[in-house]
Amino acid sequence: MPFTEICIYQVKPAKTEEFESLMLEAKNFLEGQPGLLMLRLVKRGYHIDMEQIREGLPPLAITRVIKSVKYMLYWEFDSKESYGAAQKNLYDSYWKSIEKCLIVPHDKYLGEVLF
């Protein structure tokens, strides 16, 4: 059963270019992890409220940064074991550089894929 992590990064506004450059550099490394099925990095750029949902309107672009710029890393593995090994490899390579760009430690949401 595939195993997934969704990681939320809250990046210091002054560190967004550094973070994106670092993640682009790490992309090839991450894509080379055994058992990796999917990898996506998303920058939050939109929001939607109930009025927009009720009316079927598209989301609105975020026009200003309040405290941080949020990114979501989604990666999916063939097993928990492959995921664990990839985490160690990430920790031994890019982890400290990533953490220096954040306002708070990142959040991890882990689970098995249902569908």
C-alpha atoms as a PDB file:
ATOM      1  CA  MET A   1       0.000   0.000   0.000  1.00  0.00           C
ATOM      2  CA  PRO A   2       1.500   3.400  -0.974  1.00  0.00           C
ATOM      3  CA  PHE A   3       2.666   5.631   1.869  1.00  0.00           C
ATOM      4  CA  THR A   4       2.437   9.424   1.696  1.00  0.00           C
ATOM      5  CA  GLU A   5       3.814  12.499   3.405  1.00  0.00           C
ATOM      6  CA  ILE A   6       2.440  15.995   3.023  1.00  0.00           C
ATOM      7  CA  CYS A   7       4.869  18.492   4.486  1.00  0.00           C
ATOM      8  CA  ILE A   8       3.915  22.117   5.129  1.00  0.00           C
ATOM      9  CA  TYR A   9       6.731  24.659   5.052  1.00  0.00           C
ATOM     10  CA  GLN A  10       6.229  28.226   6.336  1.00  0.00           C
ATOM     11  CA  VAL A  11       9.060  30.128   4.689  1.00  0.00           C
ATOM     12  CA  LYS A  12      10.392  33.502   5.788  1.00  0.00           C
ATOM     13  CA  PRO A  13       9.387  36.030   3.104  1.00  0.00           C
ATOM     14  CA  ALA A  14      13.013  37.111   2.643  1.00  0.00           C
ATOM     15  CA  LYS A  15      14.057  33.475   2.126  1.00  0.00           C
ATOM     16  CA  THR A  16      11.598  32.406  -0.610  1.00  0.00           C
ATOM     17  CA  GLU A  17      14.123  32.626  -3.459  1.00  0.00           C
ATOM     18  CA  GLU A  18      16.697  30.706  -1.433  1.00  0.00           C
ATOM     19  CA  PHE A  19      14.100  28.071  -0.465  1.00  0.00           C
ATOM     20  CA  GLU A  20      12.871  27.599  -4.043  1.00  0.00           C
ATOM     21  CA  SER A  21      16.430  27.365  -5.344  1.00  0.00           C
ATOM     22  CA  LEU A  22      17.318  24.843  -2.650  1.00  0.00           C
ATOM     23  CA  MET A  23      14.228  22.739  -3.361  1.00  0.00           C
ATOM     24  CA  LEU A  24      14.953  22.798  -7.087  1.00  0.00           C
ATOM     25  CA  GLU A  25      18.473  21.585  -6.328  1.00  0.00           C
ATOM     26  CA  ALA A  26      17.072  18.883  -4.013  1.00  0.00           C
ATOM     27  CA  LYS A  27      14.502  17.772  -6.632  1.00  0.00           C
ATOM     28  CA  ASN A  28      16.904  15.484  -8.527  1.00  0.00           C
ATOM     29  CA  PHE A  29      18.122  14.028  -5.245  1.00  0.00           C
ATOM     30  CA  LEU A  30      14.566  13.421  -4.034  1.00  0.00           C
ATOM     31  CA  GLU A  31      13.456  11.932  -7.352  1.00  0.00           C
ATOM     32  CA  GLY A  32      16.280   9.407  -7.073  1.00  0.00           C
ATOM     33  CA  GLN A  33      15.016   7.922  -3.819  1.00  0.00           C
ATOM     34  CA  PRO A  34      14.193   4.189  -4.107  1.00  0.00           C
ATOM     35  CA  GLY A  35      10.465   3.503  -4.023  1.00  0.00           C
ATOM     36  CA  LEU A  36       9.400   7.082  -4.826  1.00  0.00           C
ATOM     37  CA  LEU A  37       6.146   7.089  -6.788  1.00  0.00           C
ATOM     38  CA  MET A  38       5.303  10.806  -6.908  1.00  0.00           C
ATOM     39  CA  LEU A  39       6.849  14.118  -5.895  1.00  0.00           C
ATOM     40  CA  ARG A  40       5.215  17.560  -5.989  1.00  0.00           C
ATOM     41  CA  LEU A  41       6.102  20.929  -4.475  1.00  0.00           C
ATOM     42  CA  VAL A  42       3.298  23.489  -4.426  1.00  0.00           C
ATOM     43  CA  LYS A  43       3.515  27.162  -3.491  1.00  0.00           C
ATOM     44  CA  ARG A  44       0.331  28.493  -1.949  1.00  0.00           C
ATOM     45  CA  GLY A  45      -0.807  31.335  -4.166  1.00  0.00           C
ATOM     46  CA  TYR A  46      -4.606  31.359  -3.885  1.00  0.00           C
ATOM     47  CA  HIS A  47      -7.454  31.284  -1.391  1.00  0.00           C
ATOM     48  CA  ILE A  48     -11.146  30.581  -1.696  1.00  0.00           C
ATOM     49  CA  ASP A  49     -14.063  31.494   0.556  1.00  0.00           C
ATOM     50  CA  MET A  50     -17.596  30.123   0.872  1.00  0.00           C
ATOM     51  CA  GLU A  51     -19.091  32.803  -1.390  1.00  0.00           C
ATOM     52  CA  GLN A  52     -16.753  31.818  -4.204  1.00  0.00           C
ATOM     53  CA  ILE A  53     -17.531  28.146  -3.629  1.00  0.00           C
ATOM     54  CA  ARG A  54     -21.315  28.716  -3.645  1.00  0.00           C
ATOM     55  CA  GLU A  55     -21.073  30.742  -6.844  1.00  0.00           C
ATOM     56  CA  GLY A  56     -18.620  28.399  -8.553  1.00  0.00           C
ATOM     57  CA  LEU A  57     -16.053  31.166  -8.894  1.00  0.00           C
ATOM     58  CA  PRO A  58     -12.313  30.575  -9.252  1.00  0.00           C
ATOM     59  CA  PRO A  59     -10.031  31.113  -6.259  1.00  0.00           C
ATOM     60  CA  LEU A  60      -8.520  34.539  -5.661  1.00  0.00           C
ATOM     61  CA  ALA A  61      -4.786  35.190  -5.885  1.00  0.00           C
ATOM     62  CA  ILE A  62      -3.038  35.985  -2.618  1.00  0.00           C
ATOM     63  CA  THR A  63      -1.763  39.542  -3.024  1.00  0.00           C
ATOM     64  CA  ARG A  64       0.300  40.074   0.111  1.00  0.00           C
ATOM     65  CA  VAL A  65       2.411  38.080   2.521  1.00  0.00           C
ATOM     66  CA  ILE A  66       1.483  38.463   6.175  1.00  0.00           C
ATOM     67  CA  LYS A  67       3.907  36.243   8.087  1.00  0.00           C
ATOM     68  CA  SER A  68       5.184  33.521   5.782  1.00  0.00           C
ATOM     69  CA  VAL A  69       4.975  32.005   2.320  1.00  0.00           C
ATOM     70  CA  LYS A  70       3.553  28.487   2.499  1.00  0.00           C
ATOM     71  CA  TYR A  71       4.694  25.516   0.450  1.00  0.00           C
ATOM     72  CA  MET A  72       3.397  21.969   0.429  1.00  0.00           C
ATOM     73  CA  LEU A  73       5.662  19.056  -0.428  1.00  0.00           C
ATOM     74  CA  TYR A  74       3.788  15.899  -1.418  1.00  0.00           C
ATOM     75  CA  TRP A  75       5.704  12.694  -1.885  1.00  0.00           C
ATOM     76  CA  GLU A  76       4.422   9.162  -2.170  1.00  0.00           C
ATOM     77  CA  PHE A  77       6.356   5.924  -1.751  1.00  0.00           C
ATOM     78  CA  ASP A  78       5.735   2.259  -2.411  1.00  0.00           C
ATOM     79  CA  SER A  79       6.150   1.460   1.320  1.00  0.00           C
ATOM     80  CA  LYS A  80       6.794   2.934   4.778  1.00  0.00           C
ATOM     81  CA  GLU A  81      10.273   1.428   4.645  1.00  0.00           C
ATOM     82  CA  SER A  82      11.171   3.302   1.449  1.00  0.00           C
ATOM     83  CA  TYR A  83       9.747   6.477   2.998  1.00  0.00           C
ATOM     84  CA  GLY A  84      11.841   6.021   6.152  1.00  0.00           C
ATOM     85  CA  ALA A  85      15.051   5.533   4.160  1.00  0.00           C
ATOM     86  CA  ALA A  86      14.300   8.638   2.046  1.00  0.00           C
ATOM     87  CA  GLN A  87      13.703  10.706   5.197  1.00  0.00           C
ATOM     88  CA  LYS A  88      17.115   9.718   6.533  1.00  0.00           C
ATOM     89  CA  ASN A  89      18.733  10.617   3.210  1.00  0.00           C
ATOM     90  CA  LEU A  90      16.988  13.996   3.200  1.00  0.00           C
ATOM     91  CA  TYR A  91      17.982  14.595   6.820  1.00  0.00           C
ATOM     92  CA  ASP A  92      21.631  13.803   6.025  1.00  0.00           C
ATOM     93  CA  SER A  93      21.713  16.171   3.028  1.00  0.00           C
ATOM     94  CA  TYR A  94      19.295  19.118   2.713  1.00  0.00           C
ATOM     95  CA  TRP A  95      17.403  19.205   6.023  1.00  0.00           C
ATOM     96  CA  LYS A  96      19.479  21.844   7.829  1.00  0.00           C
ATOM     97  CA  SER A  97      19.524  24.207   4.844  1.00  0.00           C
ATOM     98  CA  ILE A  98      15.746  23.884   4.478  1.00  0.00           C
ATOM     99  CA  GLU A  99      15.149  24.529   8.188  1.00  0.00           C
ATOM    100  CA  LYS A 100      17.131  27.797   8.030  1.00  0.00           C
ATOM    101  CA  CYS A 101      14.537  29.204   5.610  1.00  0.00           C
ATOM    102  CA  LEU A 102      11.540  28.528   7.893  1.00  0.00           C
ATOM    103  CA  ILE A 103       9.829  30.628  10.542  1.00  0.00           C
ATOM    104  CA  VAL A 104       8.764  27.477  12.453  1.00  0.00           C
ATOM    105  CA  PRO A 105       9.611  23.774  12.095  1.00  0.00           C
ATOM    106  CA  HIS A 106       7.676  22.178   9.259  1.00  0.00           C
ATOM    107  CA  ASP A 107       4.531  20.088   9.800  1.00  0.00           C
ATOM    108  CA  LYS A 108       4.383  16.513   8.527  1.00  0.00           C
ATOM    109  CA  TYR A 109       1.175  14.631   7.776  1.00  0.00           C
ATOM    110  CA  LEU A 110       1.726  10.935   7.147  1.00  0.00           C
ATOM    111  CA  GLY A 111      -0.563   8.146   6.024  1.00  0.00           C
ATOM    112  CA  GLU A 112      -1.417   5.331   3.683  1.00  0.00           C
ATOM    113  CA  VAL A 113      -3.155   6.153   0.410  1.00  0.00           C
ATOM    114  CA  LEU A 114      -6.867   5.271   0.416  1.00  0.00           C
ATOM    115  CA  PHE A 115      -7.603   6.052  -3.249  1.00  0.00           C
END
